[in-house]
C-alpha atoms as a PDB file:
ATOM      1  CA  MET A   1     -20.550  56.175 -61.239  1.00  0.00           C
ATOM      2  CA  GLY A   2     -19.544  53.473 -59.020  1.00  0.00           C
ATOM      3  CA  ASP A   3     -18.829  53.438 -55.002  1.00  0.00           C
ATOM      4  CA  ALA A   4     -15.705  55.220 -53.898  1.00  0.00           C
ATOM      5  CA  ALA A   5     -12.366  53.192 -54.643  1.00  0.00           C
ATOM      6  CA  GLY A   6     -11.599  51.071 -51.512  1.00  0.00           C
ATOM      7  CA  MET A   7     -15.030  50.710 -50.374  1.00  0.00           C
ATOM      8  CA  SER A   8     -15.780  47.489 -49.145  1.00  0.00           C
ATOM      9  CA  TYR A   9     -19.190  45.741 -50.104  1.00  0.00           C
ATOM     10  CA  ARG A  10     -20.871  46.145 -46.846  1.00  0.00           C
ATOM     11  CA  GLU A  11     -19.709  49.813 -46.648  1.00  0.00           C
ATOM     12  CA  ALA A  12     -21.041  50.387 -50.470  1.00  0.00           C
ATOM     13  CA  VAL A  13     -24.374  49.038 -49.420  1.00  0.00           C
ATOM     14  CA  ARG A  14     -24.807  51.044 -46.334  1.00  0.00           C
ATOM     15  CA  ALA A  15     -23.855  54.142 -48.663  1.00  0.00           C
ATOM     16  CA  ALA A  16     -26.469  53.069 -51.124  1.00  0.00           C
ATOM     17  CA  MET A  17     -29.221  52.696 -48.637  1.00  0.00           C
ATOM     18  CA  HIS A  18     -28.861  56.425 -47.505  1.00  0.00           C
ATOM     19  CA  PRO A  19     -32.570  57.879 -47.152  1.00  0.00           C
ATOM     20  CA  THR A  20     -32.174  60.364 -50.042  1.00  0.00           C
ATOM     21  CA  LYS A  21     -31.571  57.355 -52.385  1.00  0.00           C
ATOM     22  CA  TYR A  22     -34.984  56.112 -52.015  1.00  0.00           C
ATOM     23  CA  PHE A  23     -36.357  58.911 -53.803  1.00  0.00           C
ATOM     24  CA  PHE A  24     -35.032  60.868 -57.261  1.00  0.00           C
ATOM     25  CA  HIS A  25     -32.883  63.656 -55.832  1.00  0.00           C
ATOM     26  CA  HIS A  26     -30.281  65.959 -57.836  1.00  0.00           C
ATOM     27  CA  HIS A  27     -27.564  63.596 -56.988  1.00  0.00           C
ATOM     28  CA  GLU A  28     -24.157  63.501 -58.828  1.00  0.00           C
ATOM     29  CA  GLU A  29     -25.139  60.639 -61.170  1.00  0.00           C
ATOM     30  CA  ASP A  30     -28.304  62.219 -62.113  1.00  0.00           C
ATOM     31  CA  ARG A  31     -26.278  64.986 -63.829  1.00  0.00           C
ATOM     32  CA  HIS A  32     -24.888  62.445 -66.040  1.00  0.00           C
ATOM     33  CA  TRP A  33     -28.097  60.724 -67.181  1.00  0.00           C
ATOM     34  CA  GLY A  34     -27.234  61.477 -71.034  1.00  0.00           C
ATOM     35  CA  GLU A  35     -24.112  59.422 -70.393  1.00  0.00           C
ATOM     36  CA  GLN A  36     -25.872  56.865 -68.150  1.00  0.00           C
ATOM     37  CA  TYR A  37     -28.280  55.897 -70.833  1.00  0.00           C
ATOM     38  CA  GLY A  38     -26.781  57.145 -74.282  1.00  0.00           C
ATOM     39  CA  THR A  39     -23.421  54.917 -73.739  1.00  0.00           C
ATOM     40  CA  SER A  40     -22.178  51.637 -73.236  1.00  0.00           C
ATOM     41  CA  VAL A  41     -19.458  49.926 -71.579  1.00  0.00           C
ATOM     42  CA  TRP A  42     -19.235  47.155 -74.185  1.00  0.00           C
ATOM     43  CA  PHE A  43     -19.471  49.527 -77.499  1.00  0.00           C
ATOM     44  CA  ALA A  44     -17.277  52.401 -78.183  1.00  0.00           C
ATOM     45  CA  THR A  45     -19.847  54.479 -80.177  1.00  0.00           C
ATOM     46  CA  PRO A  46     -23.586  55.812 -79.204  1.00  0.00           C
ATOM     47  CA  GLY A  47     -24.825  54.445 -82.747  1.00  0.00           C
ATOM     48  CA  ALA A  48     -23.394  50.622 -81.487  1.00  0.00           C
ATOM     49  CA  HIS A  49     -25.217  51.388 -78.344  1.00  0.00           C
ATOM     50  CA  VAL A  50     -28.455  52.326 -79.774  1.00  0.00           C
ATOM     51  CA  ALA A  51     -28.290  49.197 -82.024  1.00  0.00           C
ATOM     52  CA  TRP A  52     -27.678  47.125 -78.916  1.00  0.00           C
ATOM     53  CA  ARG A  53     -30.829  48.684 -76.978  1.00  0.00           C
ATOM     54  CA  GLY A  54     -32.704  47.963 -79.991  1.00  0.00           C
ATOM     55  CA  ALA A  55     -31.665  44.511 -80.290  1.00  0.00           C
ATOM     56  CA  LEU A  56     -32.321  43.732 -76.532  1.00  0.00           C
ATOM     57  CA  PHE A  57     -35.845  45.113 -77.087  1.00  0.00           C
ATOM     58  CA  ALA A  58     -36.324  43.278 -80.518  1.00  0.00           C
ATOM     59  CA  ALA A  59     -35.160  39.995 -78.615  1.00  0.00           C
ATOM     60  CA  TRP A  60     -37.820  40.294 -75.833  1.00  0.00           C
ATOM     61  CA  LEU A  61     -40.620  41.458 -78.128  1.00  0.00           C
ATOM     62  CA  VAL A  62     -39.941  38.222 -80.261  1.00  0.00           C
ATOM     63  CA  VAL A  63     -40.502  36.250 -76.528  1.00  0.00           C
ATOM     64  CA  TRP A  64     -43.604  38.094 -75.635  1.00  0.00           C
ATOM     65  CA  THR A  65     -44.890  37.683 -78.827  1.00  0.00           C
ATOM     66  CA  TYR A  66     -44.274  34.094 -78.948  1.00  0.00           C
ATOM     67  CA  ALA A  67     -45.709  33.529 -75.561  1.00  0.00           C
ATOM     68  CA  LEU A  68     -49.029  35.642 -76.772  1.00  0.00           C
ATOM     69  CA  ALA A  69     -49.077  33.342 -79.501  1.00  0.00           C
ATOM     70  CA  CYS A  70     -49.181  30.283 -77.672  1.00  0.00           C
ATOM     71  CA  SER A  71     -51.589  31.217 -75.267  1.00  0.00           C
ATOM     72  CA  ILE A  72     -53.976  32.252 -78.050  1.00  0.00           C
ATOM     73  CA  THR A  73     -53.726  29.127 -80.081  1.00  0.00           C
ATOM     74  CA  GLY A  74     -53.525  26.908 -77.023  1.00  0.00           C
ATOM     75  CA  PRO A  75     -56.004  25.879 -74.419  1.00  0.00           C
ATOM     76  CA  GLY A  76     -56.970  28.369 -71.711  1.00  0.00           C
ATOM     77  CA  GLY A  77     -55.837  31.272 -73.930  1.00  0.00           C
ATOM     78  CA  GLN A  78     -58.376  33.726 -72.147  1.00  0.00           C
ATOM     79  CA  TYR A  79     -56.205  33.465 -69.050  1.00  0.00           C
ATOM     80  CA  PHE A  80     -53.152  34.663 -70.578  1.00  0.00           C
ATOM     81  CA  LEU A  81     -53.115  38.109 -68.239  1.00  0.00           C
ATOM     82  CA  ILE A  82     -53.642  36.689 -65.062  1.00  0.00           C
ATOM     83  CA  TYR A  83     -50.332  35.272 -64.376  1.00  0.00           C
ATOM     84  CA  LEU A  84     -47.424  37.095 -62.506  1.00  0.00           C
ATOM     85  CA  THR A  85     -45.028  35.916 -65.399  1.00  0.00           C
ATOM     86  CA  ILE A  86     -46.998  37.606 -67.944  1.00  0.00           C
ATOM     87  CA  TRP A  87     -47.499  40.524 -66.210  1.00  0.00           C
ATOM     88  CA  THR A  88     -43.720  40.671 -65.518  1.00  0.00           C
ATOM     89  CA  ALA A  89     -42.762  40.014 -69.111  1.00  0.00           C
ATOM     90  CA  THR A  90     -45.203  42.936 -70.058  1.00  0.00           C
ATOM     91  CA  VAL A  91     -43.228  45.465 -67.880  1.00  0.00           C
ATOM     92  CA  GLU A  92     -39.914  44.251 -68.977  1.00  0.00           C
ATOM     93  CA  LEU A  93     -41.020  44.954 -72.433  1.00  0.00           C
ATOM     94  CA  LEU A  94     -41.915  48.339 -71.429  1.00  0.00           C
ATOM     95  CA  TYR A  95     -38.687  48.847 -69.793  1.00  0.00           C
ATOM     96  CA  LEU A  96     -36.833  47.729 -72.657  1.00  0.00           C
ATOM     97  CA  ALA A  97     -38.785  49.817 -74.997  1.00  0.00           C
ATOM     98  CA  LEU A  98     -38.303  53.046 -73.105  1.00  0.00           C
ATOM     99  CA  HIS A  99     -34.678  52.535 -72.430  1.00  0.00           C
ATOM    100  CA  PHE A 100     -34.391  52.036 -76.213  1.00  0.00           C
ATOM    101  CA  LEU A 101     -36.421  55.121 -76.941  1.00  0.00           C
ATOM    102  CA  LEU A 102     -34.309  57.176 -74.793  1.00  0.00           C
ATOM    103  CA  ALA A 103     -30.958  55.904 -76.260  1.00  0.00           C
ATOM    104  CA  VAL A 104     -32.209  57.054 -79.549  1.00  0.00           C
ATOM    105  CA  ALA A 105     -33.464  60.370 -78.158  1.00  0.00           C
ATOM    106  CA  ILE A 106     -29.779  61.007 -76.530  1.00  0.00           C
ATOM    107  CA  TYR A 107     -28.422  59.820 -79.886  1.00  0.00           C
ATOM    108  CA  ARG A 108     -30.379  62.224 -81.981  1.00  0.00           C
ATOM    109  CA  ARG A 109     -29.981  65.344 -79.284  1.00  0.00           C
ATOM    110  CA  ALA A 110     -27.424  64.873 -76.394  1.00  0.00           C
ATOM    111  CA  PRO A 111     -28.637  66.882 -73.045  1.00  0.00           C
ATOM    112  CA  PRO A 112     -26.529  69.353 -71.487  1.00  0.00           C
ATOM    113  CA  PRO A 113     -24.006  67.614 -68.958  1.00  0.00           C
ATOM    114  CA  ASP A 114     -26.245  69.067 -66.045  1.00  0.00           C
ATOM    115  CA  ALA A 115     -29.859  68.851 -67.483  1.00  0.00           C
ATOM    116  CA  PRO A 116     -32.177  67.582 -64.334  1.00  0.00           C
ATOM    117  CA  PRO A 117     -33.665  64.097 -65.433  1.00  0.00           C
ATOM    118  CA  THR A 118     -36.733  64.780 -67.791  1.00  0.00           C
ATOM    119  CA  ALA A 119     -39.926  62.799 -67.248  1.00  0.00           C
ATOM    120  CA  LEU A 120     -38.935  59.921 -69.700  1.00  0.00           C
ATOM    121  CA  VAL A 121     -35.826  59.366 -67.916  1.00  0.00           C
ATOM    122  CA  ARG A 122     -37.776  59.107 -64.331  1.00  0.00           C
ATOM    123  CA  TRP A 123     -40.135  56.712 -65.863  1.00  0.00           C
ATOM    124  CA  ALA A 124     -37.660  54.713 -67.599  1.00  0.00           C
ATOM    125  CA  TRP A 125     -36.044  54.301 -64.330  1.00  0.00           C
ATOM    126  CA  ARG A 126     -39.180  53.472 -62.345  1.00  0.00           C
ATOM    127  CA  VAL A 127     -40.263  50.878 -64.818  1.00  0.00           C
ATOM    128  CA  ARG A 128     -36.787  49.041 -64.886  1.00  0.00           C
ATOM    129  CA  ALA A 129     -36.719  49.165 -60.959  1.00  0.00           C
ATOM    130  CA  VAL A 130     -39.524  47.132 -61.056  1.00  0.00           C
ATOM    131  CA  ALA A 131     -38.675  44.646 -63.970  1.00  0.00           C
ATOM    132  CA  GLN A 132     -35.575  43.766 -63.125  1.00  0.00           C
ATOM    133  CA  PRO A 133     -35.766  42.295 -59.426  1.00  0.00           C
ATOM    134  CA  VAL A 134     -39.298  40.842 -60.424  1.00  0.00           C
ATOM    135  CA  ALA A 135     -37.962  39.159 -63.328  1.00  0.00           C
ATOM    136  CA  VAL A 136     -35.195  37.494 -61.112  1.00  0.00           C
ATOM    137  CA  LEU A 137     -37.967  36.503 -58.752  1.00  0.00           C
ATOM    138  CA  VAL A 138     -40.246  35.044 -61.693  1.00  0.00           C
ATOM    139  CA  SER A 139     -37.316  32.833 -62.706  1.00  0.00           C
ATOM    140  CA  LEU A 140     -36.339  31.843 -59.227  1.00  0.00           C
ATOM    141  CA  GLY A 141     -39.911  31.010 -58.552  1.00  0.00           C
ATOM    142  CA  TYR A 142     -40.516  28.999 -61.600  1.00  0.00           C
ATOM    143  CA  TRP A 143     -37.182  26.955 -61.395  1.00  0.00           C
ATOM    144  CA  GLY A 144     -37.491  26.265 -57.816  1.00  0.00           C
ATOM    145  CA  LEU A 145     -41.013  25.531 -57.310  1.00  0.00           C
ATOM    146  CA  ILE A 146     -42.858  25.043 -60.552  1.00  0.00           C
ATOM    147  CA  TYR A 147     -40.418  23.436 -63.126  1.00  0.00           C
ATOM    148  CA  PRO A 148     -40.083  20.246 -60.682  1.00  0.00           C
ATOM    149  CA  VAL A 149     -43.825  19.469 -60.910  1.00  0.00           C
ATOM    150  CA  VAL A 150     -44.860  21.236 -64.468  1.00  0.00           C
ATOM    151  CA  PRO A 151     -43.959  19.627 -67.719  1.00  0.00           C
ATOM    152  CA  PHE A 152     -41.250  22.010 -69.359  1.00  0.00           C
ATOM    153  CA  SER A 153     -42.207  23.993 -72.664  1.00  0.00           C
ATOM    154  CA  VAL A 154     -39.963  26.209 -74.929  1.00  0.00           C
ATOM    155  CA  ASN A 155     -42.513  29.001 -74.039  1.00  0.00           C
ATOM    156  CA  ASP A 156     -41.637  28.391 -70.168  1.00  0.00           C
ATOM    157  CA  GLY A 157     -37.962  28.396 -70.901  1.00  0.00           C
ATOM    158  CA  LEU A 158     -37.949  31.508 -72.768  1.00  0.00           C
ATOM    159  CA  LEU A 159     -40.203  33.494 -70.290  1.00  0.00           C
ATOM    160  CA  HIS A 160     -38.601  32.168 -67.091  1.00  0.00           C
ATOM    161  CA  ALA A 161     -34.938  32.092 -67.897  1.00  0.00           C
ATOM    162  CA  GLY A 162     -34.975  34.388 -70.989  1.00  0.00           C
ATOM    163  CA  ASN A 163     -36.368  37.292 -68.655  1.00  0.00           C
ATOM    164  CA  THR A 164     -33.290  37.045 -66.410  1.00  0.00           C
ATOM    165  CA  VAL A 165     -30.755  36.519 -69.128  1.00  0.00           C
ATOM    166  CA  ILE A 166     -31.945  39.568 -70.852  1.00  0.00           C
ATOM    167  CA  VAL A 167     -31.584  41.488 -67.391  1.00  0.00           C
ATOM    168  CA  VAL A 168     -28.162  40.227 -66.924  1.00  0.00           C
ATOM    169  CA  LEU A 169     -26.799  41.064 -70.348  1.00  0.00           C
ATOM    170  CA  ASP A 170     -28.732  44.964 -69.937  1.00  0.00           C
ATOM    171  CA  VAL A 171     -27.046  45.605 -66.418  1.00  0.00           C
ATOM    172  CA  LEU A 172     -23.500  44.294 -67.515  1.00  0.00           C
ATOM    173  CA  SER A 173     -23.638  46.143 -70.776  1.00  0.00           C
ATOM    174  CA  CYS A 174     -24.965  49.560 -70.292  1.00  0.00           C
ATOM    175  CA  ALA A 175     -23.854  52.331 -67.833  1.00  0.00           C
ATOM    176  CA  TYR A 176     -27.163  53.464 -65.703  1.00  0.00           C
ATOM    177  CA  VAL A 177     -27.021  53.683 -62.267  1.00  0.00           C
ATOM    178  CA  VAL A 178     -28.890  50.942 -60.122  1.00  0.00           C
ATOM    179  CA  ARG A 179     -30.321  52.287 -56.912  1.00  0.00           C
ATOM    180  CA  LEU A 180     -30.415  49.575 -53.987  1.00  0.00           C
ATOM    181  CA  PRO A 181     -33.312  51.384 -52.096  1.00  0.00           C
ATOM    182  CA  HIS A 182     -35.491  51.307 -55.445  1.00  0.00           C
ATOM    183  CA  PHE A 183     -36.696  47.623 -54.077  1.00  0.00           C
ATOM    184  CA  ILE A 184     -39.646  49.687 -52.820  1.00  0.00           C
ATOM    185  CA  TYR A 185     -40.971  49.984 -56.473  1.00  0.00           C
ATOM    186  CA  GLY A 186     -40.829  46.347 -56.788  1.00  0.00           C
ATOM    187  CA  VAL A 187     -42.606  45.971 -53.328  1.00  0.00           C
ATOM    188  CA  VAL A 188     -45.462  48.408 -54.798  1.00  0.00           C
ATOM    189  CA  TYR A 189     -45.856  46.153 -57.510  1.00  0.00           C
ATOM    190  CA  ALA A 190     -46.098  43.018 -55.572  1.00  0.00           C
ATOM    191  CA  CYS A 191     -48.691  44.421 -53.401  1.00  0.00           C
ATOM    192  CA  VAL A 192     -50.660  45.451 -56.736  1.00  0.00           C
ATOM    193  CA  TYR A 193     -50.456  41.777 -58.105  1.00  0.00           C
ATOM    194  CA  THR A 194     -51.437  40.718 -54.365  1.00  0.00           C
ATOM    195  CA  ILE A 195     -54.606  42.719 -54.419  1.00  0.00           C
ATOM    196  CA  TRP A 196     -55.218  41.252 -58.061  1.00  0.00           C
ATOM    197  CA  SER A 197     -55.176  37.911 -56.953  1.00  0.00           C
ATOM    198  CA  CYS A 198     -57.366  38.529 -53.993  1.00  0.00           C
ATOM    199  CA  ILE A 199     -59.785  39.892 -56.789  1.00  0.00           C
ATOM    200  CA  HIS A 200     -59.253  36.814 -58.852  1.00  0.00           C
ATOM    201  CA  TRP A 201     -60.300  34.584 -56.040  1.00  0.00           C
ATOM    202  CA  ALA A 202     -63.114  36.490 -55.060  1.00  0.00           C
ATOM    203  CA  CYS A 203     -64.605  36.272 -58.596  1.00  0.00           C
ATOM    204  CA  LYS A 204     -63.900  32.670 -59.049  1.00  0.00           C
ATOM    205  CA  ILE A 205     -62.421  33.395 -62.407  1.00  0.00           C
ATOM    206  CA  THR A 206     -60.108  30.079 -61.872  1.00  0.00           C
ATOM    207  CA  ASN A 207     -56.963  29.600 -63.771  1.00  0.00           C
ATOM    208  CA  GLY A 208     -57.924  27.589 -66.822  1.00  0.00           C
ATOM    209  CA  HIS A 209     -57.231  24.408 -64.965  1.00  0.00           C
ATOM    210  CA  ASP A 210     -60.152  24.207 -62.902  1.00  0.00           C
ATOM    211  CA  HIS A 211     -58.391  25.666 -59.821  1.00  0.00           C
ATOM    212  CA  ARG A 212     -59.738  28.883 -57.997  1.00  0.00           C
ATOM    213  CA  TYR A 213     -56.432  30.196 -57.319  1.00  0.00           C
ATOM    214  CA  ILE A 214     -53.876  31.772 -59.700  1.00  0.00           C
ATOM    215  CA  TYR A 215     -50.661  29.867 -58.001  1.00  0.00           C
ATOM    216  CA  PRO A 216     -51.229  26.901 -55.231  1.00  0.00           C
ATOM    217  CA  PHE A 217     -49.577  29.653 -52.766  1.00  0.00           C
ATOM    218  CA  LEU A 218     -52.103  32.392 -53.442  1.00  0.00           C
ATOM    219  CA  GLN A 219     -55.096  30.515 -51.768  1.00  0.00           C
ATOM    220  CA  TRP A 220     -57.349  32.969 -49.916  1.00  0.00           C
ATOM    221  CA  SER A 221     -59.701  30.675 -48.382  1.00  0.00           C
ATOM    222  CA  ALA A 222     -60.462  31.176 -44.977  1.00  0.00           C
ATOM    223  CA  ALA A 223     -58.329  28.106 -43.716  1.00  0.00           C
ATOM    224  CA  LYS A 224     -55.378  29.034 -45.974  1.00  0.00           C
ATOM    225  CA  TRP A 225     -55.116  32.903 -46.185  1.00  0.00           C
ATOM    226  CA  PRO A 226     -52.991  33.233 -43.066  1.00  0.00           C
ATOM    227  CA  VAL A 227     -50.088  30.906 -44.865  1.00  0.00           C
ATOM    228  CA  THR A 228     -50.919  32.704 -48.144  1.00  0.00           C
ATOM    229  CA  LEU A 229     -50.244  36.330 -46.518  1.00  0.00           C
ATOM    230  CA  THR A 230     -47.044  34.988 -44.675  1.00  0.00           C
ATOM    231  CA  ILE A 231     -45.799  33.817 -48.200  1.00  0.00           C
ATOM    232  CA  VAL A 232     -46.726  37.153 -49.894  1.00  0.00           C
ATOM    233  CA  LEU A 233     -45.282  39.231 -47.259  1.00  0.00           C
ATOM    234  CA  ALA A 234     -42.142  37.052 -47.511  1.00  0.00           C
ATOM    235  CA  LEU A 235     -41.768  37.576 -51.303  1.00  0.00           C
ATOM    236  CA  GLY A 236     -42.648  41.240 -51.200  1.00  0.00           C
ATOM    237  CA  LEU A 237     -40.603  42.470 -48.175  1.00  0.00           C
ATOM    238  CA  VAL A 238     -37.586  39.911 -48.290  1.00  0.00           C
ATOM    239  CA  VAL A 239     -36.945  38.235 -51.512  1.00  0.00           C
ATOM    240  CA  VAL A 240     -37.853  41.310 -54.061  1.00  0.00           C
ATOM    241  CA  PRO A 241     -34.931  43.281 -51.925  1.00  0.00           C
ATOM    242  CA  LEU A 242     -32.528  40.407 -52.074  1.00  0.00           C
ATOM    243  CA  CYS A 243     -33.400  40.145 -56.243  1.00  0.00           C
ATOM    244  CA  ASN A 244     -32.631  43.955 -56.202  1.00  0.00           C
ATOM    245  CA  LEU A 245     -29.568  43.687 -54.333  1.00  0.00           C
ATOM    246  CA  LEU A 246     -28.268  40.965 -56.885  1.00  0.00           C
ATOM    247  CA  ILE A 247     -28.771  43.635 -59.720  1.00  0.00           C
ATOM    248  CA  TRP A 248     -27.080  46.215 -57.622  1.00  0.00           C
ATOM    249  CA  SER A 249     -24.375  44.022 -57.122  1.00  0.00           C
ATOM    250  CA  LEU A 250     -23.876  43.180 -60.873  1.00  0.00           C
ATOM    251  CA  ALA A 251     -24.062  46.851 -61.575  1.00  0.00           C
ATOM    252  CA  ARG A 252     -21.093  47.561 -58.772  1.00  0.00           C
ATOM    253  CA  PHE A 253     -19.070  44.690 -60.234  1.00  0.00           C
ATOM    254  CA  ARG A 254     -19.370  46.319 -63.887  1.00  0.00           C
ATOM    255  CA  ASP A 255     -18.644  49.812 -62.596  1.00  0.00           C
ATOM    256  CA  ARG A 256     -15.656  48.256 -60.693  1.00  0.00           C
ATOM    257  CA  LEU A 257     -14.747  46.154 -63.582  1.00  0.00           C
ATOM    258  CA  MET A 258     -14.416  49.317 -66.056  1.00  0.00           C
ATOM    259  CA  ALA A 259     -12.968  51.331 -63.226  1.00  0.00           C
ATOM    260  CA  SER A 260     -10.085  48.648 -62.988  1.00  0.00           C
ATOM    261  CA  ARG A 261      -9.790  48.747 -66.735  1.00  0.00           C
ATOM    262  CA  ALA A 262      -9.512  52.366 -67.126  1.00  0.00           C
ATOM    263  CA  SER A 263      -6.948  52.709 -64.344  1.00  0.00           C
ATOM    264  CA  ARG A 264      -4.553  50.226 -65.856  1.00  0.00           C
ATOM    265  CA  ALA A 265      -5.068  51.748 -69.350  1.00  0.00           C
ATOM    266  CA  ALA A 266      -4.173  55.181 -67.893  1.00  0.00           C
ATOM    267  CA  ALA A 267      -1.055  53.578 -66.046  1.00  0.00           C
ATOM    268  CA  ALA A 268      -0.022  51.975 -69.510  1.00  0.00           C
ATOM    269  CA  TYR A 269      -0.331  55.306 -70.895  1.00  0.00           C
ATOM    270  CA  ASP A 270       1.844  56.788 -68.409  1.00  0.00           C
ATOM    271  CA  GLU A 271       4.688  54.469 -68.933  1.00  0.00           C
ATOM    272  CA  ILE A 272       4.696  54.963 -72.702  1.00  0.00           C
ATOM    273  CA  ALA A 273       4.741  58.638 -71.939  1.00  0.00           C
END
């Protein structure tokens, strides 16, 4: 499932950005979606993989529920759903739930080797393509911009570090293909949130802290909207693709590591034989 042996990183990126990879086609790797979503590179049995997927989903469900409880019991709970952090945490929860359900379905009845991807596979892939790079973006934004000026809390730590930890564990332990051009789904998601921030500003909803904006960099006043638009374009068109490149690179590292292990095992078997 990884790139061809001996292919350099630059060559692999160039090959991964082929125009057909932007959308869902019947590529060679798509024919093995049962293996991708029903097996793990860490666990030998499908049952263990299902348990692992359930554990990832359960762990993030606990974090999401704790964040909800903190908002409900704390001041400004009615503003829970305005933040990109919560939007992304919810999308990540959905992607983990879909992947868990997919693993269970494959465990109960494995698909034929050449079966085309089902609707569940395609939606699980799309939601993951949004959640993973944007989760990294949320973590980078919090620890790079917000944490130095906002008091730290356990809730913030879980939401802005645990999200990326879950993503990294998922990518490194599972066998699915990561498509580099699928950053486009994250860009669409960023556009939707930008539109929401404009609606929020126009309706003067505030953020629970007596500010009209959701985040300081999302101020759509007549004086500040050009700077805000520049920041949004940079985040959507530069940072999101770079975050997806990081996810893709982790998956490539995983595939190359597993290929190297398989090659060493085959060589050792040949020596014994």
